[in-house]
């Protein structure tokens, strides 16, 4: 995924899942609290996308991982990354209503 594709994914911000991910729980802390999201990594780039049924983007399984598809065209191919509690490699403790991390994959 190049930076232009990453910017496009962040601008849309949502994705439809090919099938529900059983056992996934909604975030209970941080900017995405109460909602479900996925972390998609392609090469060195990581993007967080909120899960909705009406997104123009769709996550589809591939033999080597997953792809993000729009209007039948594959935009990027990569892997889903499991978050620790908030995002990959981090836990989020709610002390204030704003986030101080400025993660480049997050729209907050």
N, C-alpha and C. Protein backbone atom coordinates (compact mmCIF):
# COMPACT_ATOMS: atom_id res chain seq x y z
N UNK A 1 0.86 -1.17 0.00
CA UNK A 1 0.00 0.00 0.00
C UNK A 1 0.90 1.23 0.00
N UNK A 2 0.64 2.14 -0.92
CA UNK A 2 1.40 3.38 -0.93
C UNK A 2 0.68 4.43 -0.06
N UNK A 3 1.29 5.59 0.10
CA UNK A 3 0.72 6.61 0.98
C UNK A 3 -0.59 7.18 0.45
N UNK A 4 -0.74 7.25 -0.87
CA UNK A 4 -2.00 7.75 -1.44
C UNK A 4 -3.15 6.79 -1.11
N UNK A 5 -2.90 5.50 -1.21
CA UNK A 5 -3.92 4.51 -0.87
C UNK A 5 -4.24 4.58 0.61
N UNK A 6 -3.21 4.72 1.45
CA UNK A 6 -3.44 4.84 2.89
C UNK A 6 -4.32 6.06 3.18
N UNK A 7 -4.03 7.18 2.53
CA UNK A 7 -4.83 8.39 2.73
C UNK A 7 -6.27 8.16 2.30
N UNK A 8 -6.48 7.44 1.20
CA UNK A 8 -7.84 7.14 0.73
C UNK A 8 -8.59 6.30 1.76
N UNK A 9 -7.92 5.28 2.31
CA UNK A 9 -8.56 4.43 3.31
C UNK A 9 -8.91 5.21 4.57
N UNK A 10 -7.99 6.06 5.02
CA UNK A 10 -8.26 6.88 6.21
C UNK A 10 -9.40 7.85 5.93
N UNK A 11 -9.46 8.42 4.71
CA UNK A 11 -10.53 9.36 4.37
C UNK A 11 -11.90 8.68 4.43
N UNK A 12 -11.99 7.45 3.94
CA UNK A 12 -13.26 6.71 4.03
C UNK A 12 -13.51 6.33 5.48
N UNK A 13 -12.50 5.74 6.12
CA UNK A 13 -12.55 5.46 7.56
C UNK A 13 -13.35 4.25 8.00
N UNK A 14 -14.07 3.59 7.08
CA UNK A 14 -14.91 2.46 7.45
C UNK A 14 -14.68 1.30 6.49
N UNK A 15 -15.15 0.12 6.90
CA UNK A 15 -15.03 -1.07 6.07
C UNK A 15 -16.17 -2.03 6.42
N UNK A 16 -16.65 -2.77 5.42
CA UNK A 16 -17.60 -3.87 5.65
C UNK A 16 -16.80 -5.14 5.76
N UNK A 17 -17.16 -5.99 6.69
CA UNK A 17 -16.47 -7.26 6.83
C UNK A 17 -17.10 -8.29 5.90
N UNK A 18 -16.25 -9.15 5.36
CA UNK A 18 -16.72 -10.24 4.52
C UNK A 18 -17.67 -11.13 5.31
N UNK A 19 -17.29 -11.39 6.54
CA UNK A 19 -18.12 -12.16 7.45
C UNK A 19 -17.80 -11.68 8.86
N UNK A 20 -18.76 -11.81 9.78
CA UNK A 20 -18.49 -11.35 11.15
C UNK A 20 -17.30 -12.09 11.75
N UNK A 21 -16.57 -11.40 12.57
CA UNK A 21 -15.44 -12.02 13.28
C UNK A 21 -15.92 -12.43 14.66
N UNK A 22 -16.28 -13.71 14.85
CA UNK A 22 -16.77 -14.14 16.16
C UNK A 22 -15.73 -13.92 17.24
N UNK A 23 -16.21 -13.55 18.40
CA UNK A 23 -15.30 -13.34 19.52
C UNK A 23 -14.72 -11.94 19.56
N UNK A 24 -14.90 -11.15 18.50
CA UNK A 24 -14.42 -9.77 18.51
C UNK A 24 -15.30 -8.97 19.45
N UNK A 25 -14.69 -8.15 20.23
CA UNK A 25 -15.49 -7.32 21.14
C UNK A 25 -15.27 -5.85 20.79
N UNK A 26 -16.24 -5.05 21.11
CA UNK A 26 -16.14 -3.62 20.85
C UNK A 26 -15.13 -3.02 21.82
N UNK A 27 -14.46 -1.98 21.35
CA UNK A 27 -13.51 -1.26 22.19
C UNK A 27 -14.25 -0.61 23.36
N UNK A 28 -13.67 -0.68 24.54
CA UNK A 28 -14.30 -0.09 25.72
C UNK A 28 -13.59 1.18 26.18
N UNK A 29 -12.50 1.55 25.51
CA UNK A 29 -11.76 2.76 25.87
C UNK A 29 -11.18 3.38 24.61
N UNK A 30 -10.83 4.63 24.74
CA UNK A 30 -10.19 5.31 23.63
C UNK A 30 -11.18 5.93 22.67
N UNK A 31 -10.67 6.52 21.60
CA UNK A 31 -11.51 7.25 20.65
C UNK A 31 -12.57 6.39 19.97
N UNK A 32 -12.34 5.09 19.85
CA UNK A 32 -13.31 4.21 19.19
C UNK A 32 -14.21 3.46 20.14
N UNK A 33 -14.30 3.90 21.38
CA UNK A 33 -15.07 3.17 22.40
C UNK A 33 -16.50 2.92 21.94
N UNK A 34 -16.94 1.68 22.13
CA UNK A 34 -18.30 1.31 21.79
C UNK A 34 -18.46 0.76 20.39
N UNK A 35 -17.46 0.89 19.57
CA UNK A 35 -17.55 0.42 18.19
C UNK A 35 -16.55 -0.67 17.90
N UNK A 36 -16.73 -1.31 16.76
CA UNK A 36 -15.78 -2.34 16.34
C UNK A 36 -14.92 -1.77 15.22
N UNK A 37 -13.66 -2.11 15.20
CA UNK A 37 -12.77 -1.67 14.13
C UNK A 37 -11.75 -2.77 13.84
N UNK A 38 -11.11 -2.63 12.69
CA UNK A 38 -10.02 -3.53 12.33
C UNK A 38 -8.76 -2.71 12.11
N UNK A 39 -7.63 -3.35 12.29
CA UNK A 39 -6.35 -2.75 11.97
C UNK A 39 -5.79 -3.53 10.79
N UNK A 40 -5.57 -2.83 9.69
CA UNK A 40 -5.12 -3.43 8.44
C UNK A 40 -3.70 -2.95 8.17
N UNK A 41 -2.77 -3.90 7.99
CA UNK A 41 -1.38 -3.55 7.71
C UNK A 41 -0.99 -4.06 6.34
N UNK A 42 -0.41 -3.17 5.55
CA UNK A 42 0.11 -3.51 4.23
C UNK A 42 1.51 -2.94 4.14
N UNK A 43 2.50 -3.81 4.10
CA UNK A 43 3.89 -3.33 4.16
C UNK A 43 4.10 -2.63 5.49
N UNK A 44 4.75 -1.46 5.48
CA UNK A 44 5.00 -0.76 6.74
C UNK A 44 3.82 0.10 7.20
N UNK A 45 2.76 0.16 6.41
CA UNK A 45 1.65 1.06 6.70
C UNK A 45 0.51 0.36 7.43
N UNK A 46 -0.04 1.04 8.43
CA UNK A 46 -1.12 0.51 9.26
C UNK A 46 -2.28 1.49 9.23
N UNK A 47 -3.51 0.96 9.06
CA UNK A 47 -4.71 1.79 9.02
C UNK A 47 -5.76 1.17 9.93
N UNK A 48 -6.44 2.01 10.67
CA UNK A 48 -7.57 1.57 11.49
C UNK A 48 -8.85 1.96 10.77
N UNK A 49 -9.75 0.99 10.58
CA UNK A 49 -11.02 1.24 9.90
C UNK A 49 -12.17 0.77 10.80
N UNK A 50 -13.16 1.63 11.00
CA UNK A 50 -14.35 1.26 11.76
C UNK A 50 -15.21 0.33 10.92
N UNK A 51 -15.83 -0.64 11.57
CA UNK A 51 -16.66 -1.62 10.88
C UNK A 51 -18.09 -1.11 10.79
N UNK A 52 -18.62 -1.01 9.56
CA UNK A 52 -20.01 -0.63 9.32
C UNK A 52 -20.56 -1.46 8.17
N UNK A 53 -21.86 -1.61 8.12
CA UNK A 53 -22.50 -2.37 7.04
C UNK A 53 -22.63 -1.57 5.76
N UNK A 54 -22.55 -0.24 5.84
CA UNK A 54 -22.79 0.58 4.65
C UNK A 54 -21.52 1.21 4.08
N UNK A 55 -20.37 0.68 4.41
CA UNK A 55 -19.11 1.22 3.91
C UNK A 55 -18.92 0.89 2.42
N UNK A 56 -18.32 1.80 1.67
CA UNK A 56 -17.98 1.49 0.27
C UNK A 56 -16.78 0.55 0.17
N UNK A 57 -16.04 0.38 1.27
CA UNK A 57 -14.90 -0.54 1.29
C UNK A 57 -15.33 -1.88 1.86
N UNK A 58 -14.75 -2.95 1.34
CA UNK A 58 -15.07 -4.30 1.82
C UNK A 58 -13.77 -5.04 2.07
N UNK A 59 -13.70 -5.73 3.20
CA UNK A 59 -12.56 -6.58 3.52
C UNK A 59 -12.86 -7.97 2.99
N UNK A 60 -11.94 -8.52 2.19
CA UNK A 60 -12.12 -9.86 1.61
C UNK A 60 -10.90 -10.72 1.92
N UNK A 61 -11.15 -11.98 2.20
CA UNK A 61 -10.06 -12.93 2.48
C UNK A 61 -9.30 -13.24 1.21
N UNK A 62 -8.00 -13.44 1.38
CA UNK A 62 -7.12 -13.88 0.30
C UNK A 62 -6.26 -15.01 0.87
N UNK A 63 -5.71 -15.88 0.01
CA UNK A 63 -4.88 -16.98 0.52
C UNK A 63 -3.72 -16.51 1.40
N UNK A 64 -3.20 -15.32 1.12
CA UNK A 64 -2.05 -14.80 1.86
C UNK A 64 -2.42 -13.70 2.85
N UNK A 65 -3.69 -13.52 3.15
CA UNK A 65 -4.11 -12.48 4.09
C UNK A 65 -5.48 -11.95 3.75
N UNK A 66 -5.59 -10.62 3.64
CA UNK A 66 -6.86 -9.98 3.29
C UNK A 66 -6.60 -8.86 2.29
N UNK A 67 -7.66 -8.45 1.62
CA UNK A 67 -7.60 -7.32 0.71
C UNK A 67 -8.70 -6.34 1.08
N UNK A 68 -8.47 -5.07 0.80
CA UNK A 68 -9.49 -4.05 0.92
C UNK A 68 -9.92 -3.73 -0.51
N UNK A 69 -11.23 -3.87 -0.77
CA UNK A 69 -11.78 -3.77 -2.12
C UNK A 69 -12.83 -2.68 -2.16
N UNK A 70 -12.85 -1.92 -3.27
CA UNK A 70 -13.88 -0.91 -3.49
C UNK A 70 -14.39 -1.05 -4.92
N UNK A 71 -15.68 -1.18 -5.08
CA UNK A 71 -16.30 -1.33 -6.41
C UNK A 71 -15.65 -2.45 -7.22
N UNK A 72 -15.35 -3.57 -6.56
CA UNK A 72 -14.77 -4.72 -7.24
C UNK A 72 -13.29 -4.61 -7.54
N UNK A 73 -12.66 -3.49 -7.17
CA UNK A 73 -11.24 -3.28 -7.44
C UNK A 73 -10.43 -3.36 -6.15
N UNK A 74 -9.39 -4.16 -6.16
CA UNK A 74 -8.54 -4.30 -4.98
C UNK A 74 -7.69 -3.05 -4.80
N UNK A 75 -7.84 -2.42 -3.64
CA UNK A 75 -7.05 -1.22 -3.34
C UNK A 75 -5.74 -1.57 -2.66
N UNK A 76 -5.78 -2.55 -1.76
CA UNK A 76 -4.58 -2.92 -1.01
C UNK A 76 -4.72 -4.35 -0.51
N UNK A 77 -3.57 -5.00 -0.35
CA UNK A 77 -3.54 -6.36 0.18
C UNK A 77 -2.58 -6.37 1.36
N UNK A 78 -2.97 -7.08 2.43
CA UNK A 78 -2.13 -7.12 3.61
C UNK A 78 -2.66 -8.10 4.64
N UNK A 79 -2.48 -7.74 5.90
CA UNK A 79 -2.85 -8.60 7.03
C UNK A 79 -3.69 -7.81 8.02
N UNK A 80 -4.55 -8.52 8.74
CA UNK A 80 -5.22 -7.92 9.89
C UNK A 80 -4.30 -8.06 11.09
N UNK A 81 -4.21 -7.01 11.89
CA UNK A 81 -3.35 -6.99 13.07
C UNK A 81 -4.26 -6.96 14.29
N UNK A 82 -4.02 -7.86 15.23
CA UNK A 82 -4.82 -7.90 16.45
C UNK A 82 -4.34 -6.84 17.44
N UNK A 83 -5.25 -6.00 17.93
CA UNK A 83 -4.85 -5.01 18.93
C UNK A 83 -4.65 -5.65 20.29
N UNK A 84 -3.84 -5.02 21.11
CA UNK A 84 -3.66 -5.47 22.49
C UNK A 84 -4.97 -5.21 23.24
N UNK A 85 -5.28 -3.97 23.48
CA UNK A 85 -6.55 -3.57 24.09
C UNK A 85 -7.14 -2.37 23.36
N UNK A 86 -6.31 -1.56 22.74
CA UNK A 86 -6.77 -0.35 22.06
C UNK A 86 -6.29 -0.34 20.62
N UNK A 87 -5.02 -0.56 20.44
CA UNK A 87 -4.44 -0.63 19.11
C UNK A 87 -3.19 -1.50 19.22
N UNK A 88 -2.63 -1.92 18.10
CA UNK A 88 -1.48 -2.83 18.17
C UNK A 88 -0.35 -2.29 19.05
N UNK A 89 0.03 -3.08 20.03
CA UNK A 89 1.15 -2.72 20.90
C UNK A 89 0.84 -1.70 21.97
N UNK A 90 -0.43 -1.29 22.12
CA UNK A 90 -0.76 -0.28 23.12
C UNK A 90 -2.04 -0.65 23.86
N UNK A 91 -2.11 -0.25 25.09
CA UNK A 91 -3.36 -0.27 25.85
C UNK A 91 -3.76 1.19 26.03
N UNK A 92 -5.02 1.48 26.12
CA UNK A 92 -5.50 2.85 26.26
C UNK A 92 -6.21 2.99 27.59
N UNK A 93 -5.72 3.87 28.42
CA UNK A 93 -6.35 4.16 29.71
C UNK A 93 -7.05 5.50 29.60
N UNK A 94 -8.32 5.54 29.90
CA UNK A 94 -9.09 6.77 29.76
C UNK A 94 -8.85 7.66 30.98
N UNK A 95 -8.04 8.69 30.76
CA UNK A 95 -7.78 9.68 31.80
C UNK A 95 -8.41 11.01 31.39
N UNK A 96 -8.39 11.28 30.10
CA UNK A 96 -9.04 12.47 29.56
C UNK A 96 -9.80 12.07 28.30
N UNK A 97 -10.53 13.02 27.72
CA UNK A 97 -11.34 12.72 26.54
C UNK A 97 -10.55 12.83 25.24
N UNK A 98 -9.29 13.20 25.30
CA UNK A 98 -8.52 13.34 24.06
C UNK A 98 -7.36 12.36 24.05
N UNK A 99 -6.90 12.07 22.87
CA UNK A 99 -5.79 11.14 22.70
C UNK A 99 -4.51 11.94 22.47
N UNK A 100 -3.41 11.53 23.09
CA UNK A 100 -2.15 12.25 22.97
C UNK A 100 -1.17 11.59 22.01
N UNK A 101 -1.54 10.43 21.42
CA UNK A 101 -0.57 9.65 20.66
C UNK A 101 -0.34 10.11 19.23
N UNK A 102 -1.32 10.73 18.58
CA UNK A 102 -1.19 11.18 17.20
C UNK A 102 -0.74 10.04 16.28
N UNK A 103 -1.37 8.88 16.43
CA UNK A 103 -1.04 7.74 15.57
C UNK A 103 -1.37 8.08 14.12
N UNK A 104 -0.49 7.76 13.21
CA UNK A 104 -0.67 8.11 11.81
C UNK A 104 -1.70 7.22 11.12
N UNK A 105 -2.13 6.14 11.77
CA UNK A 105 -3.14 5.27 11.17
C UNK A 105 -4.54 5.59 11.68
N UNK A 106 -4.65 6.51 12.62
CA UNK A 106 -5.93 6.80 13.27
C UNK A 106 -6.43 8.17 12.83
N UNK A 107 -7.73 8.27 12.62
CA UNK A 107 -8.32 9.54 12.17
C UNK A 107 -8.56 10.53 13.31
N UNK A 108 -8.37 10.11 14.55
CA UNK A 108 -8.62 11.00 15.70
C UNK A 108 -7.51 12.02 15.84
